[in-house]
Amino acid sequence: MQTPQANDASAAAPAVPDRYAPPPGFVRKTKAEKRELKAAKMRELRGEWRRREREGRRKQVAQRAAERGAMLERMSEEERADFWRAERAEKERLEQEKREQNERLDAALSDGVRVVVDLSYGATMNLKEQRSLARQLGRC
């Protein structure tokens, strides 16, 4: 028989916590819920990254504008006019290059593009490779 003192000792001893038991208030989430939470977190992070990138670009643009303004302020009227003329000439040159490239592209699309395929290595290919090459060339 147990004595009354033994009953009191077992009742007063704290229960050993189960270290694998979930904490109080824990609710298990399904895979779909976890996936959605992760996607929402990633959307939020991407938004933050985009905001930081935009802010960084804005700062760079503002810095370049300030540097350009300071450079133009240091120039005399004659130097400034020469700078603007050279800048306009460079811009026109780039636009002309782009127009010429577009004209060449239009001509190639209307006249067809010439393609040269070197088949001198055909003797070193086996029959399967030759058939594969013939099929690939047929798709062109």
Protein backbone atom coordinates (compact mmCIF):
# COMPACT_ATOMS: atom_id res chain seq x y z
CA MET A 1 0.00 0.00 0.00
CA GLN A 2 1.00 3.51 -0.70
CA THR A 3 1.26 5.96 2.05
CA PRO A 4 -0.49 9.30 1.84
CA GLN A 5 2.91 10.93 1.49
CA ALA A 6 3.65 9.00 -1.73
CA ASN A 7 0.39 10.15 -3.32
CA ASP A 8 1.18 13.75 -2.46
CA ALA A 9 4.67 13.48 -3.99
CA SER A 10 3.45 12.11 -7.31
CA ALA A 11 0.71 14.73 -7.57
CA ALA A 12 3.12 17.56 -6.81
CA ALA A 13 5.77 16.45 -9.32
CA PRO A 14 5.58 18.41 -12.56
CA ALA A 15 4.62 16.47 -15.66
CA VAL A 16 7.51 15.81 -18.02
CA PRO A 17 6.88 17.82 -21.21
CA ASP A 18 6.80 15.88 -24.44
CA ARG A 19 9.41 17.60 -26.58
CA TYR A 20 7.80 16.30 -29.76
CA ALA A 21 4.36 17.62 -28.91
CA PRO A 22 3.29 20.73 -30.82
CA PRO A 23 3.23 23.98 -28.86
CA PRO A 24 -0.11 25.12 -27.49
CA GLY A 25 -2.27 26.80 -30.11
CA PHE A 26 -0.45 25.12 -33.00
CA VAL A 27 -2.61 24.35 -36.03
CA ARG A 28 -1.22 22.06 -38.69
CA LYS A 29 -1.41 23.50 -42.24
CA THR A 30 -2.09 21.51 -45.38
CA LYS A 31 0.44 21.40 -48.20
CA ALA A 32 -1.74 23.73 -50.27
CA GLU A 33 -1.89 26.25 -47.43
CA LYS A 34 1.87 26.08 -46.96
CA ARG A 35 2.39 26.51 -50.70
CA GLU A 36 0.08 29.53 -50.78
CA LEU A 37 1.82 31.11 -47.78
CA LYS A 38 5.20 30.59 -49.44
CA ALA A 39 3.93 32.08 -52.72
CA ALA A 40 2.48 35.09 -50.88
CA LYS A 41 5.79 35.61 -49.11
CA MET A 42 7.68 35.41 -52.42
CA ARG A 43 5.26 37.90 -54.03
CA GLU A 44 5.88 40.28 -51.17
CA LEU A 45 9.67 39.82 -51.44
CA ARG A 46 9.60 40.34 -55.21
CA GLY A 47 7.60 43.52 -54.72
CA GLU A 48 10.16 44.74 -52.21
CA TRP A 49 13.04 43.87 -54.56
CA ARG A 50 11.34 45.73 -57.41
CA ARG A 51 10.78 48.78 -55.20
CA ARG A 52 14.45 48.76 -54.19
CA GLU A 53 15.57 48.41 -57.82
CA ARG A 54 13.31 51.26 -58.94
CA GLU A 55 14.55 53.44 -56.12
CA GLY A 56 18.16 52.60 -57.02
CA ARG A 57 17.53 53.48 -60.67
CA ARG A 58 15.86 56.74 -59.67
CA LYS A 59 18.87 57.63 -57.54
CA GLN A 60 21.25 56.81 -60.41
CA VAL A 61 19.26 58.95 -62.85
CA ALA A 62 19.15 61.82 -60.39
CA GLN A 63 22.89 61.49 -59.75
CA ARG A 64 23.69 61.46 -63.48
CA ALA A 65 21.45 64.49 -64.03
CA ALA A 66 23.17 66.34 -61.19
CA GLU A 67 26.62 65.45 -62.58
CA ARG A 68 25.59 66.57 -66.06
CA GLY A 69 24.18 69.82 -64.70
CA ALA A 70 27.36 70.49 -62.74
CA MET A 71 29.48 69.73 -65.81
CA LEU A 72 27.41 72.08 -67.97
CA GLU A 73 27.64 74.78 -65.31
CA ARG A 74 31.44 74.61 -65.40
CA MET A 75 31.46 75.06 -69.19
CA SER A 76 31.49 78.36 -70.98
CA GLU A 77 28.65 79.23 -73.39
CA GLU A 78 30.80 78.25 -76.39
CA GLU A 79 31.85 74.93 -74.86
CA ARG A 80 28.24 74.19 -73.93
CA ALA A 81 27.06 74.86 -77.51
CA ASP A 82 29.81 72.58 -78.88
CA PHE A 83 28.86 69.89 -76.37
CA TRP A 84 25.19 70.03 -77.40
CA ARG A 85 26.10 69.93 -81.11
CA ALA A 86 28.32 66.88 -80.58
CA GLU A 87 25.59 65.22 -78.51
CA ARG A 88 22.96 65.85 -81.22
CA ALA A 89 25.33 64.56 -83.92
CA GLU A 90 25.93 61.34 -81.93
CA LYS A 91 22.21 60.86 -81.43
CA GLU A 92 21.54 61.36 -85.15
CA ARG A 93 24.34 58.91 -86.03
CA LEU A 94 22.81 56.24 -83.78
CA GLU A 95 19.34 56.83 -85.25
CA GLN A 96 20.78 56.54 -88.78
CA GLU A 97 22.48 53.25 -87.88
CA LYS A 98 19.19 51.93 -86.52
CA ARG A 99 17.33 52.99 -89.71
CA GLU A 100 19.96 51.27 -91.89
CA GLN A 101 19.75 48.11 -89.80
CA ASN A 102 15.96 48.08 -90.14
CA GLU A 103 16.25 48.58 -93.92
CA ARG A 104 18.64 45.62 -94.18
CA LEU A 105 16.28 43.52 -92.10
CA ASP A 106 13.29 44.49 -94.27
CA ALA A 107 15.25 43.65 -97.42
CA ALA A 108 16.27 40.27 -96.01
CA LEU A 109 12.69 39.45 -95.05
CA SER A 110 11.27 40.46 -98.42
CA ASP A 111 14.01 38.85 -100.58
CA GLY A 112 14.64 35.87 -98.35
CA VAL A 113 17.67 35.06 -96.30
CA ARG A 114 20.55 33.15 -97.86
CA VAL A 115 21.86 30.31 -95.76
CA VAL A 116 24.94 28.27 -96.57
CA VAL A 117 25.34 24.83 -95.04
CA ASP A 118 28.74 23.15 -95.24
CA LEU A 119 28.16 19.43 -95.78
CA SER A 120 31.78 18.46 -96.41
CA TYR A 121 31.83 16.50 -93.16
CA GLY A 122 29.03 14.20 -94.37
CA ALA A 123 31.48 11.39 -95.15
CA THR A 124 32.46 11.14 -91.47
CA MET A 125 28.85 10.81 -90.25
CA ASN A 126 27.10 7.50 -89.84
CA LEU A 127 23.77 6.74 -91.54
CA LYS A 128 21.67 7.73 -88.50
CA GLU A 129 23.40 11.13 -88.25
CA GLN A 130 22.95 11.74 -91.98
CA ARG A 131 19.21 11.00 -91.77
CA SER A 132 18.88 13.28 -88.75
CA LEU A 133 20.68 16.08 -90.61
CA ALA A 134 18.47 15.59 -93.66
CA ARG A 135 15.35 15.86 -91.49
CA GLN A 136 16.66 19.01 -89.80
CA LEU A 137 17.49 20.61 -93.14
CA GLY A 138 14.05 19.66 -94.44
CA ARG A 139 12.44 21.67 -91.64
CA CYS A 140 14.26 24.82 -92.68
